[in-house]
Amino acid sequence: MDNNAHDMRRVDFLVNKADLGQQEFRGSGTRAALAEGQVRLRVDKFALTANNVTYAAFGDAMKYWHFFPSNDDTFGRVPVWGFAVVDESRCEGVNPGERIYGFLPMSTEFIVMPVSISDGSFADGMEHRKVLHMVYNQYTRVNGDPVYDPAREAQQMILRPLFMTSYLIECFLRDNDYFSGGRVILSSASSKTAIGVAYQIAHSEGRSVELVGLTSAANQAFVRELGLYDAVVTYDDVAGLGTEVATVFVDMAGNSEVLRRLHTQLNDSLQYSCLVGASHWDANEPPGPLAGPKPEWFFAPAQFQERAAEAGAAAVLQQFSLAWRSFVVSTDDWMEVTELQGEAAIQQTFNQVLSGTAPPSKAYILSY
């Protein structure tokens, strides 16, 4: 579809909520008129990672389908992180041409109602988003963002949301003294969120825990070459994990069979089991009764809110920014960014990420 057609109507990439392998593009015949106070954002480009597959896999349970309603009970719009440009504005203080970073649909455009407007950001005050978590409703105005680097836009789209989760996981584990454990195991160790956690733990001052990466045989060499993990173990070798060290498990994969086998193997030596993601989205059926502690979900926005209540949001963001600057430079050693354009590229990349066949070193930036 050509750019002129996109100028006249909205195009959405829709995914079947019950079967993520079914997708389609739908176009609306006309553009919806803006109400007073609303802004139309034209989606410029966005990142697509395994994190977005997690959003889709838990779209109903964690309300990710609610951010950008599709008016279809069967198909939904998967949220992504990226940059948009103000195309039209009926909101005083938000001007056409402004560049915005935040939570976007996989569409050519969408409408927001800016509230709590400052030089650096605004929140979306659309009625359907008022009940959704505030972290996802915040939009950054790049002209007022002190950490914005135009040369690092790709890294920001791909990694900043993931690294916020990574940063908060490491803070959570450290605040709890690693639950008195001497070893941390990260599944899906090649995933960008796991790499972020591993980077933070590996570079933490006075680190006392061993760091183990759990990954597929195909990704074992890549994970070793990162130089972050003290040991790398494949999913097939879970039964060989020693039980003499008290352990914390951070599960990025969401593979119920791996979860069951790891709990069975570690049992009493497992101090804490944390569920974060579902990169293995097609194997995340409930595992049944488990040995050891009951796994607990880690929800990054709630953790951010808790830390902000204690130290203030500004302080938390300042600490995150320092960690981010260090981490993002390190990704030049292992991450290869690929930019693709067009509907065919969007659908093909989504299916590649969905199937888990995308190389862990690859990162994708997409646009219509």
Protein backbone atom coordinates (compact mmCIF):
# COMPACT_ATOMS: atom_id res chain seq x y z
CA MET A 1 0.00 0.00 0.00
CA ASP A 2 1.47 3.39 -0.94
CA ASN A 3 2.07 6.27 1.43
CA ASN A 4 -0.62 8.43 -0.18
CA ALA A 5 -3.24 5.82 0.66
CA HIS A 6 -2.00 5.83 4.26
CA ASP A 7 -2.46 9.61 4.36
CA MET A 8 -6.20 9.14 3.73
CA ARG A 9 -7.13 6.22 5.96
CA ARG A 10 -5.97 4.23 8.94
CA VAL A 11 -4.48 0.78 8.40
CA ASP A 12 -4.29 -1.71 11.29
CA PHE A 13 -2.31 -4.93 11.63
CA LEU A 14 -4.67 -7.24 13.52
CA VAL A 15 -3.94 -10.53 15.29
CA ASN A 16 -6.40 -13.23 16.27
CA LYS A 17 -6.49 -13.13 20.08
CA ALA A 18 -6.96 -16.90 20.35
CA ASP A 19 -4.57 -17.88 17.54
CA LEU A 20 -1.63 -15.51 17.16
CA GLY A 21 -0.68 -17.18 13.89
CA GLN A 22 -3.71 -15.61 12.21
CA GLN A 23 -3.22 -12.00 11.19
CA GLU A 24 -4.60 -9.55 8.68
CA PHE A 25 -4.40 -5.89 7.67
CA ARG A 26 -7.59 -3.83 7.74
CA GLY A 27 -8.08 -0.32 6.45
CA SER A 28 -10.77 2.15 7.44
CA GLY A 29 -12.39 4.06 4.60
CA THR A 30 -12.07 7.48 6.22
CA ARG A 31 -10.12 9.10 9.02
CA ALA A 32 -12.02 9.70 12.24
CA ALA A 33 -12.56 13.39 13.01
CA LEU A 34 -10.80 14.75 16.09
CA ALA A 35 -12.80 15.94 19.08
CA GLU A 36 -11.72 19.01 21.04
CA GLY A 37 -8.55 18.21 23.01
CA GLN A 38 -7.54 15.26 20.84
CA VAL A 39 -4.39 14.68 18.79
CA ARG A 40 -3.82 12.41 15.82
CA LEU A 41 -0.45 10.65 15.93
CA ARG A 42 1.03 9.24 12.73
CA VAL A 43 3.08 6.15 13.53
CA ASP A 44 6.56 6.62 12.10
CA LYS A 45 8.41 3.46 13.14
CA PHE A 46 8.33 0.85 15.89
CA ALA A 47 10.30 -2.07 17.29
CA LEU A 48 9.08 -5.65 17.25
CA THR A 49 10.51 -8.05 19.86
CA ALA A 50 9.52 -11.13 21.84
CA ASN A 51 8.17 -8.68 24.42
CA ASN A 52 5.33 -7.87 22.02
CA VAL A 53 4.55 -11.57 21.70
CA THR A 54 4.17 -11.60 25.49
CA TYR A 55 1.72 -8.68 25.22
CA ALA A 56 -0.35 -10.71 22.75
CA ALA A 57 -0.08 -14.00 24.65
CA PHE A 58 -1.39 -12.32 27.81
CA GLY A 59 -3.54 -9.76 26.03
CA ASP A 60 -6.73 -10.66 27.89
CA ALA A 61 -5.25 -11.56 31.27
CA MET A 62 -3.18 -8.37 31.51
CA LYS A 63 -5.44 -6.09 29.41
CA TYR A 64 -2.95 -5.38 26.62
CA TRP A 65 -5.76 -5.63 24.05
CA HIS A 66 -7.53 -2.76 25.82
CA PHE A 67 -4.98 -0.05 25.00
CA PHE A 68 -5.88 0.18 21.32
CA PRO A 69 -9.34 -1.34 20.83
CA SER A 70 -10.04 -2.88 17.43
CA ASN A 71 -13.84 -3.03 17.78
CA ASP A 72 -13.54 -6.75 17.08
CA ASP A 73 -13.89 -9.39 19.78
CA THR A 74 -11.78 -11.85 17.76
CA PHE A 75 -8.90 -9.68 16.50
CA GLY A 76 -6.78 -7.18 18.41
CA ARG A 77 -4.01 -4.64 17.87
CA VAL A 78 -0.72 -5.67 19.48
CA PRO A 79 0.96 -2.78 21.34
CA VAL A 80 4.53 -1.87 20.41
CA TRP A 81 7.02 0.83 21.41
CA GLY A 82 8.10 3.40 18.88
CA PHE A 83 8.03 6.94 17.56
CA ALA A 84 5.09 8.88 16.16
CA VAL A 85 4.62 12.38 14.80
CA VAL A 86 1.75 14.74 15.66
CA ASP A 87 -0.20 14.81 12.40
CA GLU A 88 -3.14 16.92 13.55
CA SER A 89 -3.93 18.60 16.86
CA ARG A 90 -6.95 20.09 18.58
CA CYS A 91 -5.05 20.25 21.87
CA GLU A 92 -3.46 23.50 22.96
CA GLY A 93 0.25 23.07 23.62
CA VAL A 94 0.74 19.97 21.46
CA ASN A 95 1.69 21.02 17.95
CA PRO A 96 1.75 19.34 14.53
CA GLY A 97 5.19 18.04 13.61
CA GLU A 98 6.21 17.13 17.17
CA ARG A 99 8.01 13.79 17.58
CA ILE A 100 6.64 11.53 20.31
CA TYR A 101 7.94 8.30 21.86
CA GLY A 102 5.76 5.74 23.61
CA PHE A 103 3.22 2.91 23.42
CA LEU A 104 1.74 2.59 19.93
CA PRO A 105 -0.53 0.23 18.01
CA MET A 106 0.75 -1.61 14.92
CA SER A 107 -1.20 0.86 12.82
CA THR A 108 -0.53 3.84 10.61
CA GLU A 109 -2.11 6.23 13.12
CA PHE A 110 -4.08 6.52 16.35
CA ILE A 111 -5.77 9.20 18.44
CA VAL A 112 -4.85 10.34 21.95
CA MET A 113 -6.16 13.00 24.32
CA PRO A 114 -3.14 14.61 26.01
CA VAL A 115 -3.49 15.42 29.71
CA SER A 116 -0.90 16.29 32.38
CA ILE A 117 1.05 18.08 29.67
CA SER A 118 4.60 19.20 30.46
CA ASP A 119 7.60 20.20 28.35
CA GLY A 120 8.82 16.62 28.32
CA SER A 121 5.72 14.47 28.26
CA PHE A 122 1.97 14.02 28.37
CA ALA A 123 -0.42 11.21 29.33
CA ASP A 124 -3.22 9.84 27.21
CA GLY A 125 -6.51 10.72 28.86
CA MET A 126 -8.80 8.81 26.47
CA GLU A 127 -11.67 7.32 28.47
CA HIS A 128 -10.84 3.67 27.75
CA ARG A 129 -7.25 4.14 28.97
CA LYS A 130 -8.05 5.72 32.34
CA VAL A 131 -8.34 2.31 34.00
CA LEU A 132 -5.11 1.01 32.44
CA HIS A 133 -1.67 1.27 33.99
CA MET A 134 -0.24 4.78 33.96
CA VAL A 135 3.25 3.67 32.82
CA TYR A 136 1.88 2.67 29.43
CA ASN A 137 -0.16 5.85 29.08
CA GLN A 138 2.85 8.19 29.25
CA TYR A 139 4.25 9.72 26.04
CA THR A 140 7.63 11.41 25.82
CA ARG A 141 8.07 14.59 23.79
CA VAL A 142 11.55 14.12 22.40
CA ASN A 143 12.31 17.86 22.37
CA GLY A 144 12.02 17.81 26.15
CA ASP A 145 13.63 14.41 26.80
CA PRO A 146 17.11 14.81 28.36
CA VAL A 147 18.21 11.27 27.42
CA TYR A 148 16.93 11.34 23.82
CA ASP A 149 19.64 10.70 21.26
CA PRO A 150 18.52 10.80 17.61
CA ALA A 151 21.39 8.49 16.68
CA ARG A 152 20.05 5.92 19.18
CA GLU A 153 16.38 5.90 18.23
CA ALA A 154 16.52 2.25 17.19
CA GLN A 155 18.04 1.19 20.51
CA GLN A 156 15.47 3.27 22.38
CA MET A 157 12.55 1.57 20.61
CA ILE A 158 13.98 -1.92 20.92
CA LEU A 159 15.54 -1.84 24.35
CA ARG A 160 14.29 0.97 26.57
CA PRO A 161 10.97 -0.68 27.55
CA LEU A 162 12.71 -4.03 27.96
CA PHE A 163 15.56 -2.57 29.95
CA MET A 164 13.16 -0.83 32.30
CA THR A 165 11.81 -4.30 33.13
CA SER A 166 15.39 -5.64 33.39
CA TYR A 167 16.40 -2.78 35.66
CA LEU A 168 13.40 -3.24 37.95
CA ILE A 169 13.90 -7.02 38.17
CA GLU A 170 17.52 -6.56 39.27
CA CYS A 171 16.46 -3.89 41.79
CA PHE A 172 13.75 -6.19 43.13
CA LEU A 173 16.15 -9.13 43.55
CA ARG A 174 18.82 -6.95 45.15
CA ASP A 175 16.32 -5.28 47.50
CA ASN A 176 15.31 -8.76 48.67
CA ASP A 177 18.95 -9.87 49.04
CA TYR A 178 18.33 -12.40 46.26
CA PHE A 179 16.00 -14.21 48.66
CA SER A 180 19.11 -15.50 50.46
CA GLY A 181 20.15 -17.29 47.29
CA GLY A 182 23.65 -17.73 45.93
CA ARG A 183 22.63 -18.35 42.34
CA VAL A 184 20.30 -16.67 39.85
CA ILE A 185 19.08 -18.62 36.81
CA LEU A 186 17.57 -16.72 33.87
CA SER A 187 15.64 -18.66 31.25
CA SER A 188 15.45 -17.44 27.66
CA ALA A 189 18.93 -16.12 28.42
CA SER A 190 19.37 -14.86 24.86
CA SER A 191 16.31 -12.60 25.10
CA LYS A 192 16.96 -8.89 25.33
CA THR A 193 15.16 -8.58 28.67
CA ALA A 194 17.24 -11.40 30.17
CA ILE A 195 20.43 -9.84 28.78
CA GLY A 196 19.48 -6.58 30.50
CA VAL A 197 19.01 -8.35 33.84
CA ALA A 198 22.27 -10.24 33.36
CA TYR A 199 24.11 -7.01 32.54
CA GLN A 200 22.82 -5.34 35.69
CA ILE A 201 23.69 -8.29 37.93
CA ALA A 202 27.08 -8.84 36.29
CA HIS A 203 28.01 -5.17 36.81
CA SER A 204 26.52 -4.74 40.27
CA GLU A 205 28.91 -3.60 42.97
CA GLY A 206 30.05 -6.38 45.29
CA ARG A 207 28.09 -9.07 43.44
CA SER A 208 27.86 -12.29 45.44
CA VAL A 209 25.55 -14.45 43.30
CA GLU A 210 26.42 -16.83 40.49
CA LEU A 211 24.61 -16.04 37.24
CA VAL A 212 23.39 -18.93 35.05
CA GLY A 213 21.84 -18.54 31.61
CA LEU A 214 19.30 -21.14 30.52
CA THR A 215 18.86 -21.28 26.74
CA SER A 216 18.32 -23.47 23.70
CA ALA A 217 21.16 -25.43 22.14
CA ALA A 218 20.88 -23.22 19.05
CA ASN A 219 21.52 -20.05 21.10
CA GLN A 220 24.10 -21.48 23.48
CA ALA A 221 27.14 -20.07 21.64
CA PHE A 222 25.58 -16.59 21.39
CA VAL A 223 24.79 -16.54 25.13
CA ARG A 224 28.33 -17.64 26.02
CA GLU A 225 29.85 -14.94 23.81
CA LEU A 226 27.94 -12.23 25.70
CA GLY A 227 30.38 -12.76 28.56
CA LEU A 228 27.72 -11.96 31.17
CA TYR A 229 26.82 -15.40 32.52
CA ASP A 230 29.07 -17.47 34.78
CA ALA A 231 27.59 -20.62 33.22
CA VAL A 232 25.30 -21.40 30.29
CA VAL A 233 23.00 -24.44 30.43
CA THR A 234 20.66 -25.72 27.73
CA TYR A 235 17.03 -26.62 28.38
CA ASP A 236 17.90 -30.27 27.70
CA ASP A 237 20.42 -30.21 30.57
CA VAL A 238 18.17 -28.86 33.35
CA ALA A 239 18.45 -32.21 35.17
CA GLY A 240 22.19 -31.56 35.54
CA LEU A 241 21.75 -28.37 37.59
CA GLY A 242 23.28 -28.80 41.03
CA THR A 243 21.06 -28.53 44.09
CA GLU A 244 23.72 -27.50 46.62
CA VAL A 245 23.27 -23.75 46.04
CA ALA A 246 20.16 -21.81 47.11
CA THR A 247 18.69 -20.49 43.87
CA VAL A 248 16.38 -17.84 42.43
CA PHE A 249 14.76 -18.59 39.07
CA VAL A 250 13.66 -15.75 36.76
CA ASP A 251 11.55 -17.22 33.97
CA MET A 252 11.47 -15.20 30.74
CA ALA A 253 10.43 -18.14 28.58
CA GLY A 254 7.07 -19.16 30.02
CA ASN A 255 7.61 -22.76 28.90
CA SER A 256 5.55 -24.86 31.30
CA GLU A 257 7.55 -28.05 30.71
CA VAL A 258 10.87 -26.33 31.44
CA LEU A 259 9.34 -24.70 34.51
CA ARG A 260 8.11 -28.07 35.78
CA ARG A 261 11.47 -29.80 35.17
CA LEU A 262 13.47 -27.02 36.82
CA HIS A 263 11.22 -26.96 39.90
CA THR A 264 11.44 -30.74 40.15
CA GLN A 265 15.24 -30.68 39.86
CA LEU A 266 15.90 -27.84 42.32
CA ASN A 267 12.94 -28.39 44.68
CA ASP A 268 14.02 -27.34 48.21
CA SER A 269 17.07 -25.41 46.95
CA LEU A 270 14.80 -23.09 44.97
CA GLN A 271 14.19 -20.02 47.15
CA TYR A 272 12.08 -17.96 44.76
CA SER A 273 10.53 -18.47 41.33
CA CYS A 274 9.63 -15.40 39.29
CA LEU A 275 7.54 -15.36 36.09
CA VAL A 276 8.28 -12.44 33.77
CA GLY A 277 7.66 -13.25 30.11
CA ALA A 278 6.43 -15.74 27.55
CA SER A 279 8.95 -15.87 24.74
CA HIS A 280 7.92 -19.53 24.44
CA TRP A 281 4.30 -18.38 24.17
CA ASP A 282 3.12 -21.62 22.53
CA ALA A 283 4.25 -23.72 25.51
CA ASN A 284 2.83 -21.69 28.38
CA GLU A 285 -0.04 -23.92 29.44
CA PRO A 286 -0.31 -24.29 33.24
CA PRO A 287 2.35 -26.79 34.36
CA GLY A 288 0.23 -28.33 37.11
CA PRO A 289 1.44 -28.78 40.72
CA LEU A 290 5.10 -27.82 41.09
CA ALA A 291 7.83 -28.80 43.51
CA GLY A 292 9.36 -25.95 45.48
CA PRO A 293 7.92 -22.44 45.87
CA LYS A 294 4.91 -21.28 43.92
CA PRO A 295 5.97 -19.05 40.99
CA GLU A 296 5.01 -15.40 41.37
CA TRP A 297 4.36 -12.93 38.55
CA PHE A 298 6.62 -9.92 38.21
CA PHE A 299 4.75 -6.90 36.80
CA ALA A 300 7.20 -4.11 36.01
CA PRO A 301 4.74 -1.17 36.15
CA ALA A 302 3.62 -2.17 39.65
CA GLN A 303 7.25 -2.48 40.75
CA PHE A 304 8.02 0.95 39.30
CA GLN A 305 5.07 2.44 41.16
CA GLU A 306 6.22 0.86 44.42
CA ARG A 307 9.76 2.22 44.04
CA ALA A 308 8.44 5.64 42.99
CA ALA A 309 6.29 5.76 46.13
CA GLU A 310 9.38 5.16 48.25
CA ALA A 311 12.00 7.30 46.50
CA GLY A 312 10.01 9.50 44.11
CA ALA A 313 9.51 8.91 40.39
CA ALA A 314 12.16 11.46 39.44
CA ALA A 315 14.82 9.68 41.50
CA VAL A 316 13.94 6.27 40.06
CA LEU A 317 14.05 7.62 36.50
CA GLN A 318 17.38 9.31 37.15
CA GLN A 319 18.89 6.05 38.43
CA PHE A 320 17.40 4.19 35.47
CA SER A 321 18.88 6.73 33.04
CA LEU A 322 22.38 6.18 34.41
CA ALA A 323 22.01 2.41 34.05
CA TRP A 324 20.50 2.82 30.57
CA ARG A 325 23.39 4.90 29.24
CA SER A 326 25.87 2.21 30.24
CA PHE A 327 23.81 -0.70 28.95
CA VAL A 328 22.90 0.80 25.58
CA VAL A 329 26.55 1.32 24.64
CA SER A 330 27.29 -2.33 25.46
CA THR A 331 24.68 -3.52 22.95
CA ASP A 332 26.84 -2.35 20.06
CA ASP A 333 28.92 -5.49 20.67
CA TRP A 334 26.09 -7.97 20.01
CA MET A 335 22.94 -6.39 18.55
CA GLU A 336 22.35 -5.96 14.81
CA VAL A 337 19.49 -3.63 13.91
CA THR A 338 17.47 -4.34 10.76
CA GLU A 339 14.97 -1.76 9.46
CA LEU A 340 12.15 -2.97 7.21
CA GLN A 341 9.20 -1.23 5.59
CA GLY A 342 5.79 -2.27 4.28
CA GLU A 343 2.92 -4.53 5.23
CA ALA A 344 4.59 -7.71 3.96
CA ALA A 345 7.69 -6.99 6.06
CA ILE A 346 5.57 -6.27 9.15
CA GLN A 347 3.66 -9.54 8.89
CA GLN A 348 6.72 -11.61 7.99
CA THR A 349 8.72 -10.20 10.90
CA PHE A 350 5.85 -10.72 13.34
CA ASN A 351 5.64 -14.39 12.36
CA GLN A 352 9.41 -14.78 12.60
CA VAL A 353 9.43 -13.35 16.13
CA LEU A 354 6.32 -15.38 16.99
CA SER A 355 7.95 -18.63 15.88
CA GLY A 356 11.15 -17.87 17.77
CA THR A 357 13.25 -18.30 14.64
CA ALA A 358 14.66 -14.77 14.68
CA PRO A 359 18.38 -14.84 15.61
CA PRO A 360 18.92 -13.40 19.11
CA SER A 361 21.45 -10.91 17.74
CA LYS A 362 18.86 -9.43 15.37
CA ALA A 363 16.55 -6.57 16.27
CA TYR A 364 13.79 -5.23 14.05
CA ILE A 365 12.50 -1.73 13.37
CA LEU A 366 9.39 -1.61 11.20
CA SER A 367 7.36 1.03 9.41
CA TYR A 368 4.48 1.18 6.93
